[in-house]
Amino acid sequence: MSYNGSGTFQINTSGQPVVTGTIISSTAFNSLTADLATGLSTAITKDGQTATTVRIPFAQGISSTLATDSTSTGTGSIITAGGVGIAKALYVGTTANVAGAVTLQSTLAVGGVATFSATPIFSALTASSAVATDASKNLVSVTNTGTGNNVLATSPTITTPTISTITSEAATNLTLKSAGTTAITVNTNQALGVGSSPSFGTSGQVLTSAGTAAAPTWSTPLSSVQIQPISASVSANALTISASALTLDFRSTTLGSGTVTTVSGTPANLVISSGSTLGTVSAQQSRIIVIALNNAGTIELAAVNISGGTNLDETTLISTTAEGGAGAADSATVVYSTTARTSLPFRVVGFIQSTQATAGTWATAPSTIQGYGGQALAAMSSLGYGQTWQALTSGNRVSGTTYYNTTSKPIQIAVSASGTSSAVTITVGGVIACQYANGAVTSGQWNASAIVPAYSSYSATYSPTFLSWSELR
């Protein structure tokens, strides 16, 4: 008898099975008992006397009623001296107690609470870094900033945090406060844009919105603007005119409309190239008016010689000629800008006063740079404003000599002559403004008077006898 390889014990010893009427021989019986002994010795005894010599397959699994929980390698339902290989899922009804290390070669899914009696070690994390979860809910290391304790949601205590940069984000009930300053509070999810360092502006300034895509800025209210910030310098025989950040109100491009447009910005520099005289005269003081143009929401600079008589009362539109950069901007009656513009609203923002040895060679720094605000130019340039009549002698004024009105506003002159065939002629800006003559009259006194625009030239001729020359200046 023997096992058939499938676990069935077969009775196939010689003389077996026993047939009725057959004499039982000792040989057949002894062979039977030997096979039985071999079969029993091959079987696993329930009292644990035998040990298997090969792996035993349990088609239906192993079920144990032992109630003892495993607390060591010598207790529990299954005890093995080697490793345990499980081809399918492992189900543990209560607590799994593993005395040694556990190596997982795939994903560990925990449906309940995982309790670690000792600190777990995650090799994928970076030492001395905070831990957070990424988009896939994996544990990742994050960089710590600063020192101290963690901040909890309820009544946190934060000690002097240092914030290097605040970018533009939505903020609700955010209060910023710097030492010695009044707090700035932003409510209702307003956007707060702050540069590399917080700024609280200067006295009298207010926060001005720059639109939804830009951070608000500090600016001075238009009603308090008295002097516009302009500057000028000479280099390589050229004059460079600049302006700092400006916020100006401009009239509408439609003269029949009273709509006002407020424009803010820092205009590009305007360069009056070497050789461009702007109509100035060598060795004579001149005044160049600085103008701000509203070119479709962009502030641009322009300049004009005040002696040219250009209307600058800000009630009209102005057209400009490109300076050109070739030293050919030579007219006192033309407004020059970097790029030619047509019919734009404008504001007078200041003037530059200088005297150049050679007109067009801008080598001497301006003697005066003055920013204007509002209608200051119109008020200060009006005839009779801060002026008095002054009597000049024949030594101060010579017949036929050209003089210049350098007072920055119009003046009036009055000249008298007497004698036989006397005559008086006043010329302003190269044009005869007033002329009187007595013809064949044997004697008499003749007077002439004219207004001279700011920075314009003028002269008077008289004969034969000088009586008086007076100027309202």
Protein backbone atom coordinates (compact mmCIF):
# COMPACT_ATOMS: atom_id res chain seq x y z
CA MET A 1 0.00 0.00 0.00
CA SER A 2 1.15 3.62 -0.61
CA TYR A 3 -0.06 7.25 -1.25
CA ASN A 4 -0.99 7.84 -4.85
CA GLY A 5 0.55 11.35 -4.99
CA SER A 6 -2.79 13.04 -4.52
CA GLY A 7 -3.05 12.26 -0.81
CA THR A 8 -5.03 8.94 -1.20
CA PHE A 9 -3.62 5.93 0.68
CA GLN A 10 -4.00 2.86 -1.60
CA ILE A 11 -4.17 -0.81 -0.42
CA ASN A 12 -2.15 -2.44 -3.14
CA THR A 13 0.30 -4.69 -1.23
CA SER A 14 0.81 -8.15 -2.68
CA GLY A 15 -1.96 -10.44 -1.37
CA GLN A 16 -4.25 -7.52 -0.73
CA PRO A 17 -7.07 -7.08 -0.60
CA VAL A 18 -7.82 -10.34 1.14
CA VAL A 19 -10.23 -12.61 -0.72
CA THR A 20 -12.70 -14.82 1.13
CA GLY A 21 -11.37 -18.31 1.61
CA THR A 22 -7.77 -17.20 1.16
CA ILE A 23 -5.34 -18.32 3.76
CA ILE A 24 -3.76 -15.26 5.46
CA SER A 25 -0.04 -15.55 5.10
CA SER A 26 2.47 -13.89 7.35
CA THR A 27 4.17 -12.32 4.36
CA ALA A 28 1.05 -10.56 3.15
CA PHE A 29 0.10 -9.45 6.67
CA ASN A 30 3.58 -8.20 7.49
CA SER A 31 3.67 -6.28 4.20
CA LEU A 32 0.32 -4.67 5.09
CA THR A 33 1.42 -3.60 8.53
CA ALA A 34 4.70 -2.24 7.09
CA ASP A 35 2.76 -0.13 4.59
CA LEU A 36 0.46 1.09 7.34
CA ALA A 37 3.45 2.08 9.43
CA THR A 38 4.94 3.93 6.48
CA GLY A 39 1.66 5.75 5.80
CA LEU A 40 1.14 6.70 9.42
CA SER A 41 4.73 7.90 9.69
CA THR A 42 4.19 10.10 6.64
CA ALA A 43 1.01 11.72 8.07
CA ILE A 44 1.02 14.87 10.24
CA THR A 45 0.11 14.05 13.85
CA LYS A 46 -2.33 16.39 15.59
CA ASP A 47 -0.33 16.39 18.82
CA GLY A 48 2.61 17.96 17.03
CA GLN A 49 4.99 14.98 17.26
CA THR A 50 5.99 15.20 13.58
CA ALA A 51 7.38 17.98 11.38
CA THR A 52 6.68 18.24 7.66
CA THR A 53 9.56 17.68 5.28
CA VAL A 54 8.09 19.72 2.40
CA ARG A 55 5.63 22.65 2.05
CA ILE A 56 2.07 21.46 2.73
CA PRO A 57 -0.62 23.03 0.52
CA PHE A 58 -3.86 23.77 2.39
CA ALA A 59 -6.54 24.07 -0.26
CA GLN A 60 -9.14 25.45 2.19
CA GLY A 61 -6.74 27.46 4.34
CA ILE A 62 -5.90 26.99 8.00
CA SER A 63 -8.46 27.58 10.71
CA SER A 64 -7.38 27.77 14.32
CA THR A 65 -9.57 27.99 17.42
CA LEU A 66 -6.65 28.87 19.68
CA ALA A 67 -7.71 31.96 21.62
CA THR A 68 -4.21 32.99 22.69
CA ASP A 69 -3.00 36.28 21.12
CA SER A 70 0.55 36.26 19.86
CA THR A 71 2.88 38.29 22.02
CA SER A 72 6.11 36.59 20.92
CA THR A 73 7.45 34.03 18.44
CA GLY A 74 6.38 31.25 20.80
CA THR A 75 2.66 32.11 21.10
CA GLY A 76 -0.33 32.51 18.79
CA SER A 77 -2.20 30.27 16.38
CA ILE A 78 0.60 29.87 13.82
CA ILE A 79 4.27 29.68 14.77
CA THR A 80 6.98 29.49 12.11
CA ALA A 81 10.74 29.44 12.42
CA GLY A 82 11.12 30.82 8.90
CA GLY A 83 9.33 33.56 7.00
CA VAL A 84 5.64 33.58 6.10
CA GLY A 85 4.83 33.97 2.41
CA ILE A 86 1.19 34.88 1.67
CA ALA A 87 0.16 34.93 -1.98
CA LYS A 88 -3.10 36.82 -1.40
CA ALA A 89 -4.51 39.37 1.07
CA LEU A 90 -3.69 39.04 4.74
CA TYR A 91 -6.62 39.65 7.08
CA VAL A 92 -5.89 40.22 10.75
CA GLY A 93 -9.02 40.22 12.89
CA THR A 94 -7.51 42.15 15.80
CA THR A 95 -4.07 43.56 16.43
CA ALA A 96 -1.06 42.57 14.30
CA ASN A 97 2.03 42.42 16.51
CA VAL A 98 5.31 42.39 14.59
CA ALA A 99 8.42 42.26 16.75
CA GLY A 100 10.88 42.93 13.94
CA ALA A 101 11.03 45.31 11.01
CA VAL A 102 8.32 45.30 8.37
CA THR A 103 9.28 45.88 4.73
CA LEU A 104 6.47 46.75 2.33
CA GLN A 105 7.31 46.36 -1.36
CA SER A 106 4.09 48.00 -2.52
CA THR A 107 1.38 50.40 -1.29
CA LEU A 108 0.15 50.26 2.30
CA ALA A 109 -3.54 51.13 2.62
CA VAL A 110 -4.80 51.75 6.15
CA GLY A 111 -8.58 51.90 6.51
CA GLY A 112 -8.57 52.81 10.17
CA VAL A 113 -6.36 54.68 12.60
CA ALA A 114 -2.64 53.84 12.52
CA THR A 115 -1.02 54.10 15.94
CA PHE A 116 2.78 54.36 16.18
CA SER A 117 4.26 53.74 19.63
CA ALA A 118 7.62 54.97 18.34
CA THR A 119 8.50 57.73 15.84
CA PRO A 120 7.99 56.51 12.25
CA ILE A 121 10.81 57.16 9.79
CA PHE A 122 9.95 58.22 6.22
CA SER A 123 13.07 57.97 4.06
CA ALA A 124 11.59 60.19 1.31
CA LEU A 125 11.40 63.23 3.62
CA THR A 126 14.18 65.77 4.23
CA ALA A 127 15.69 66.09 7.70
CA SER A 128 14.78 69.15 9.82
CA SER A 129 11.98 70.24 7.47
CA ALA A 130 8.29 70.78 8.00
CA VAL A 131 5.92 68.17 6.55
CA ALA A 132 2.93 68.88 4.33
CA THR A 133 0.84 67.05 1.73
CA ASP A 134 1.18 67.63 -2.00
CA ALA A 135 -1.51 67.53 -4.69
CA SER A 136 -1.55 63.68 -4.55
CA LYS A 137 -1.86 63.72 -0.73
CA ASN A 138 1.70 62.44 -0.36
CA LEU A 139 3.83 63.53 2.60
CA VAL A 140 6.50 65.97 1.41
CA SER A 141 9.12 68.16 3.07
CA VAL A 142 8.68 71.95 3.04
CA THR A 143 11.14 74.69 3.96
CA ASN A 144 10.84 76.29 7.39
CA THR A 145 11.07 80.07 7.61
CA GLY A 146 11.98 81.65 10.92
CA THR A 147 12.14 80.03 14.32
CA GLY A 148 9.80 79.33 17.22
CA ASN A 149 6.68 77.29 17.83
CA ASN A 150 3.92 76.24 15.47
CA VAL A 151 0.86 78.53 15.26
CA LEU A 152 -2.53 76.93 16.01
CA ALA A 153 -5.90 78.08 14.71
CA THR A 154 -7.35 79.24 18.05
CA SER A 155 -5.77 82.31 19.73
CA PRO A 156 -2.30 82.03 18.15
CA THR A 157 0.58 84.06 19.53
CA ILE A 158 2.92 85.38 16.85
CA THR A 159 6.14 87.08 17.91
CA THR A 160 7.55 89.70 15.52
CA PRO A 161 7.25 87.98 12.14
CA THR A 162 9.50 89.34 9.37
CA ILE A 163 7.83 89.52 5.95
CA SER A 164 10.24 90.45 3.17
CA THR A 165 7.76 90.79 0.31
CA ILE A 166 3.98 90.91 0.08
CA THR A 167 2.71 90.22 -3.42
CA SER A 168 -0.64 91.26 -4.85
CA GLU A 169 -3.24 88.99 -3.31
CA ALA A 170 -6.84 89.25 -2.14
CA ALA A 171 -7.00 90.23 1.51
CA THR A 172 -9.94 90.40 3.92
CA ASN A 173 -9.70 92.63 7.01
CA LEU A 174 -5.92 92.86 6.66
CA THR A 175 -4.16 95.39 8.87
CA LEU A 176 -0.59 96.46 8.12
CA LYS A 177 1.28 98.47 10.69
CA SER A 178 4.83 99.69 10.82
CA ALA A 179 6.56 100.95 13.94
CA GLY A 180 5.52 104.51 14.71
CA THR A 181 2.89 104.73 11.99
CA THR A 182 -0.87 104.53 11.75
CA ALA A 183 -2.25 101.15 10.69
CA ILE A 184 -3.58 100.65 7.18
CA THR A 185 -6.65 98.40 7.09
CA VAL A 186 -7.93 96.75 3.91
CA ASN A 187 -11.43 95.24 4.05
CA THR A 188 -13.96 93.46 1.80
CA ASN A 189 -11.48 91.43 -0.20
CA GLN A 190 -9.82 94.45 -1.74
CA ALA A 191 -6.57 93.79 -3.58
CA LEU A 192 -3.49 95.08 -1.81
CA GLY A 193 -0.37 95.60 -3.88
CA VAL A 194 2.86 96.34 -2.04
CA GLY A 195 6.33 96.58 -3.53
CA SER A 196 9.60 95.32 -2.09
CA SER A 197 8.96 97.30 1.10
CA PRO A 198 5.76 98.84 2.55
CA SER A 199 5.33 102.54 1.83
CA PHE A 200 3.18 105.04 3.68
CA GLY A 201 3.68 107.92 1.23
CA THR A 202 4.35 111.46 2.41
CA SER A 203 2.29 114.01 4.26
CA GLY A 204 -0.86 115.00 2.42
CA GLN A 205 -0.80 112.13 -0.09
CA VAL A 206 -3.66 109.70 -0.70
CA LEU A 207 -3.88 106.19 -2.15
CA THR A 208 -4.85 106.30 -5.82
CA SER A 209 -6.25 103.31 -7.71
CA ALA A 210 -4.35 102.36 -10.85
CA GLY A 211 -7.05 99.95 -12.08
CA THR A 212 -7.78 96.31 -11.38
CA ALA A 213 -4.49 95.06 -12.84
CA ALA A 214 -2.11 97.31 -10.91
CA ALA A 215 -1.33 98.14 -7.31
CA PRO A 216 -2.62 101.42 -5.84
CA THR A 217 -0.08 104.22 -5.47
CA TRP A 218 0.40 107.22 -3.24
CA SER A 219 -0.26 110.54 -4.97
CA THR A 220 -0.89 114.16 -4.07
CA PRO A 221 -4.50 115.35 -4.50
CA LEU A 222 -4.85 117.62 -7.51
CA SER A 223 -6.29 120.41 -5.39
CA SER A 224 -3.06 120.62 -3.40
CA VAL A 225 -0.63 120.57 -6.36
CA GLN A 226 1.09 123.96 -6.44
CA ILE A 227 4.36 123.28 -8.23
CA GLN A 228 4.94 120.55 -10.82
CA PRO A 229 8.26 118.65 -10.49
CA ILE A 230 10.41 119.43 -13.55
CA SER A 231 14.16 119.53 -14.16
CA ALA A 232 16.59 120.43 -16.95
CA SER A 233 20.27 119.87 -17.66
CA VAL A 234 22.79 120.55 -20.42
CA SER A 235 25.25 118.06 -21.85
CA ALA A 236 27.08 117.76 -25.19
CA ASN A 237 25.53 121.14 -26.16
CA ALA A 238 22.00 119.68 -25.87
CA LEU A 239 19.23 120.57 -23.41
CA THR A 240 17.40 117.70 -21.68
CA ILE A 241 14.05 118.49 -20.06
CA SER A 242 12.60 116.01 -17.55
CA ALA A 243 9.61 115.69 -15.25
CA SER A 244 8.96 113.44 -12.30
CA ALA A 245 5.68 111.54 -11.83
CA LEU A 246 2.77 113.80 -12.78
CA THR A 247 -0.96 113.60 -12.11
CA LEU A 248 -2.77 116.19 -14.21
CA ASP A 249 -6.29 117.07 -15.29
CA PHE A 250 -6.67 117.63 -19.05
CA ARG A 251 -9.56 119.20 -20.91
CA SER A 252 -11.48 117.20 -23.53
CA THR A 253 -10.25 116.95 -27.12
CA THR A 254 -13.69 118.26 -28.05
CA LEU A 255 -13.67 122.00 -27.41
CA GLY A 256 -17.44 121.99 -26.90
CA SER A 257 -17.14 119.51 -24.02
CA GLY A 258 -16.22 120.28 -20.42
CA THR A 259 -15.20 116.68 -19.66
CA VAL A 260 -11.98 116.37 -17.69
CA THR A 261 -9.56 113.45 -17.97
CA THR A 262 -7.08 112.73 -15.18
CA VAL A 263 -3.81 111.19 -16.36
CA SER A 264 -0.91 109.96 -14.24
CA GLY A 265 2.56 108.95 -15.33
CA THR A 266 6.21 109.86 -15.67
CA PRO A 267 6.85 111.31 -19.16
CA ALA A 268 9.89 110.48 -21.24
CA ASN A 269 12.61 113.13 -21.41
CA LEU A 270 12.50 115.78 -24.12
CA VAL A 271 15.89 116.55 -25.72
CA ILE A 272 16.50 119.86 -27.49
CA SER A 273 19.41 118.84 -29.71
CA SER A 274 22.62 120.78 -30.22
CA GLY A 275 22.02 123.50 -32.81
CA SER A 276 18.30 123.90 -32.10
CA THR A 277 17.79 127.49 -30.93
CA LEU A 278 14.01 127.41 -30.25
CA GLY A 279 14.14 131.01 -31.52
CA THR A 280 16.42 132.22 -28.72
CA VAL A 281 19.08 134.91 -29.28
CA SER A 282 22.77 134.60 -28.47
CA ALA A 283 23.80 136.17 -25.14
CA GLN A 284 20.16 137.10 -24.39
CA GLN A 285 18.16 135.60 -21.54
CA SER A 286 15.36 133.37 -22.79
CA ARG A 287 12.46 131.55 -21.22
CA ILE A 288 11.40 128.11 -22.51
CA ILE A 289 7.95 126.96 -21.45
CA VAL A 290 7.57 123.25 -20.58
CA ILE A 291 4.25 121.71 -21.65
CA ALA A 292 2.63 118.36 -20.81
CA LEU A 293 0.59 116.77 -23.61
CA ASN A 294 -2.16 114.18 -23.11
CA ASN A 295 -1.49 111.74 -25.94
CA ALA A 296 -4.36 109.24 -25.49
CA GLY A 297 -3.64 108.72 -21.80
CA THR A 298 0.16 109.06 -21.98
CA ILE A 299 1.85 112.23 -20.75
CA GLU A 300 4.48 113.61 -23.16
CA LEU A 301 6.66 116.71 -22.86
CA ALA A 302 6.86 119.62 -25.28
CA ALA A 303 8.62 123.00 -25.22
CA VAL A 304 8.16 126.44 -26.77
CA ASN A 305 9.88 129.83 -26.53
CA ILE A 306 7.54 132.21 -24.69
CA SER A 307 8.61 135.09 -26.92
CA GLY A 308 6.81 133.47 -29.87
CA GLY A 309 3.40 134.46 -28.47
CA THR A 310 1.91 130.92 -28.48
CA ASN A 311 -1.46 130.75 -26.74
CA LEU A 312 -0.80 128.81 -23.54
CA ASP A 313 -4.00 129.48 -21.57
CA GLU A 314 -4.88 125.72 -21.66
CA THR A 315 -8.33 126.38 -23.17
CA THR A 316 -7.38 125.18 -26.65
CA LEU A 317 -5.73 122.18 -28.27
CA ILE A 318 -2.12 122.34 -29.34
CA SER A 319 -0.17 120.83 -32.25
CA THR A 320 3.57 120.21 -32.16
CA THR A 321 6.47 119.65 -34.53
CA ALA A 322 9.02 116.88 -34.00
CA GLU A 323 12.27 118.27 -32.60
CA GLY A 324 14.02 115.93 -35.01
CA GLY A 325 17.32 115.56 -33.16
CA ALA A 326 19.26 117.29 -35.94
CA GLY A 327 19.55 120.79 -34.49
CA ALA A 328 16.91 122.38 -36.70
CA ALA A 329 14.23 123.33 -34.14
CA ASP A 330 14.80 127.06 -34.51
CA SER A 331 11.42 128.84 -34.38
CA ALA A 332 10.05 130.72 -31.36
CA THR A 333 6.51 130.30 -32.71
CA VAL A 334 6.60 126.49 -32.95
CA VAL A 335 5.92 124.02 -30.14
CA TYR A 336 8.41 121.14 -30.28
CA SER A 337 8.07 117.60 -28.92
CA THR A 338 9.92 114.32 -29.48
CA THR A 339 7.17 113.14 -31.87
CA ALA A 340 4.89 115.47 -33.82
CA ARG A 341 1.37 115.59 -32.36
CA THR A 342 -1.86 117.12 -33.64
CA SER A 343 -4.61 118.84 -31.63
CA LEU A 344 -3.90 117.49 -28.14
CA PRO A 345 -5.02 118.81 -24.72
CA PHE A 346 -2.09 120.29 -22.79
CA ARG A 347 -1.02 121.71 -19.46
CA VAL A 348 1.76 124.21 -18.73
CA VAL A 349 3.99 122.57 -16.12
CA GLY A 350 6.88 125.04 -15.83
CA PHE A 351 9.60 127.06 -17.48
CA ILE A 352 13.37 127.01 -17.96
CA GLN A 353 15.25 130.29 -18.01
CA SER A 354 18.78 130.50 -19.36
CA THR A 355 21.29 132.59 -21.27
CA GLN A 356 23.47 130.84 -23.85
CA ALA A 357 26.53 132.51 -25.35
CA THR A 358 25.63 131.04 -28.71
CA ALA A 359 21.99 130.31 -29.41
CA GLY A 360 21.49 126.58 -29.98
CA THR A 361 24.67 125.64 -28.13
CA TRP A 362 23.24 124.56 -24.80
CA ALA A 363 26.37 124.77 -22.69
CA THR A 364 25.29 126.85 -19.68
CA ALA A 365 23.00 125.35 -17.08
CA PRO A 366 19.62 127.05 -16.70
CA SER A 367 19.60 129.93 -14.26
CA THR A 368 16.03 129.22 -13.16
CA ILE A 369 13.85 126.11 -13.29
CA GLN A 370 10.29 126.65 -12.13
CA GLY A 371 7.36 124.27 -12.03
CA TYR A 372 3.86 125.64 -12.47
CA GLY A 373 0.53 124.56 -11.02
CA GLY A 374 -2.95 125.36 -12.31
CA GLN A 375 -3.11 128.69 -14.17
CA ALA A 376 0.03 130.17 -12.61
CA LEU A 377 1.56 130.99 -15.99
CA ALA A 378 -1.49 132.97 -17.14
CA ALA A 379 -1.74 134.89 -13.87
CA MET A 380 1.94 135.74 -13.56
CA SER A 381 2.27 136.75 -17.20
CA SER A 382 -0.60 139.25 -17.31
CA LEU A 383 0.11 142.89 -18.14
CA GLY A 384 0.27 145.16 -15.09
CA TYR A 385 0.57 142.25 -12.60
CA GLY A 386 3.23 143.43 -10.14
CA GLN A 387 4.46 146.12 -12.57
CA THR A 388 5.04 149.91 -12.28
CA TRP A 389 5.81 152.69 -14.74
CA GLN A 390 9.52 153.46 -14.84
CA ALA A 391 11.10 156.53 -16.50
CA LEU A 392 14.24 155.66 -18.46
CA THR A 393 16.83 158.22 -19.54
CA SER A 394 18.42 158.66 -22.94
CA GLY A 395 21.48 156.98 -21.49
CA ASN A 396 19.48 153.83 -20.74
CA ARG A 397 17.59 153.76 -24.02
CA VAL A 398 19.21 154.70 -27.33
CA SER A 399 17.33 155.39 -30.54
CA GLY A 400 17.54 152.48 -32.98
CA THR A 401 19.01 150.01 -30.47
CA THR A 402 17.30 146.62 -30.06
CA TYR A 403 16.32 145.61 -26.54
CA TYR A 404 14.61 142.49 -25.12
CA ASN A 405 11.77 142.11 -22.66
CA THR A 406 13.23 139.65 -20.15
CA THR A 407 10.64 140.20 -17.41
CA SER A 408 8.63 137.01 -18.23
CA LYS A 409 5.45 139.04 -18.83
CA PRO A 410 4.29 141.68 -21.31
CA ILE A 411 5.48 145.26 -20.81
CA GLN A 412 4.29 148.53 -22.31
CA ILE A 413 6.60 151.25 -23.62
CA ALA A 414 5.85 154.91 -24.33
CA VAL A 415 8.27 157.15 -26.23
CA SER A 416 8.03 160.95 -26.86
CA ALA A 417 10.07 163.21 -29.16
CA SER A 418 9.82 166.87 -30.18
CA GLY A 419 11.16 169.34 -32.67
CA THR A 420 10.81 170.25 -36.31
CA SER A 421 9.88 167.28 -38.48
CA SER A 422 9.96 165.03 -35.40
CA ALA A 423 9.03 161.32 -35.65
CA VAL A 424 8.70 158.27 -33.37
CA THR A 425 8.65 154.63 -34.57
CA ILE A 426 8.35 151.59 -32.24
CA THR A 427 9.23 148.14 -33.61
CA VAL A 428 8.29 144.95 -31.67
CA GLY A 429 9.57 141.54 -32.75
CA GLY A 430 10.71 142.97 -36.06
CA VAL A 431 7.28 144.49 -36.83
CA ILE A 432 6.42 148.21 -36.67
CA ALA A 433 3.90 148.43 -33.82
CA CYS A 434 3.40 152.22 -33.67
CA GLN A 435 4.61 155.18 -35.74
CA TYR A 436 3.96 158.96 -35.61
CA ALA A 437 5.48 161.83 -37.66
CA ASN A 438 4.67 165.58 -37.85
CA GLY A 439 5.63 166.05 -41.49
CA ALA A 440 6.03 169.75 -42.39
CA VAL A 441 4.98 171.04 -38.99
CA THR A 442 7.65 173.40 -37.76
CA SER A 443 7.54 172.16 -34.19
CA GLY A 444 5.60 169.86 -31.89
CA GLN A 445 5.66 166.81 -29.60
CA TRP A 446 4.85 163.30 -30.81
CA ASN A 447 4.16 160.20 -28.74
CA ALA A 448 4.11 156.45 -29.52
CA SER A 449 3.21 153.48 -27.34
CA ALA A 450 3.25 149.68 -27.78
CA ILE A 451 2.98 146.45 -25.78
CA VAL A 452 5.98 144.12 -25.90
CA PRO A 453 5.29 140.38 -25.27
CA ALA A 454 7.52 138.53 -22.83
CA TYR A 455 11.02 137.88 -24.14
CA SER A 456 10.32 139.65 -27.41
CA SER A 457 12.67 142.20 -28.96
CA TYR A 458 11.79 145.90 -29.29
CA SER A 459 13.33 149.18 -30.38
CA ALA A 460 12.34 152.83 -30.86
CA THR A 461 13.67 155.47 -33.21
CA TYR A 462 13.00 159.14 -32.61
CA SER A 463 14.21 162.49 -33.90
CA PRO A 464 15.29 165.09 -33.47
CA THR A 465 14.90 165.70 -29.71
CA PHE A 466 14.45 163.00 -27.06
CA LEU A 467 11.77 163.88 -24.55
CA SER A 468 10.93 160.68 -22.61
CA TRP A 469 11.02 156.90 -22.68
CA SER A 470 8.91 155.11 -20.08
CA GLU A 471 8.15 151.43 -19.55
CA LEU A 472 5.45 149.65 -17.55
CA ARG A 473 7.49 146.72 -16.17
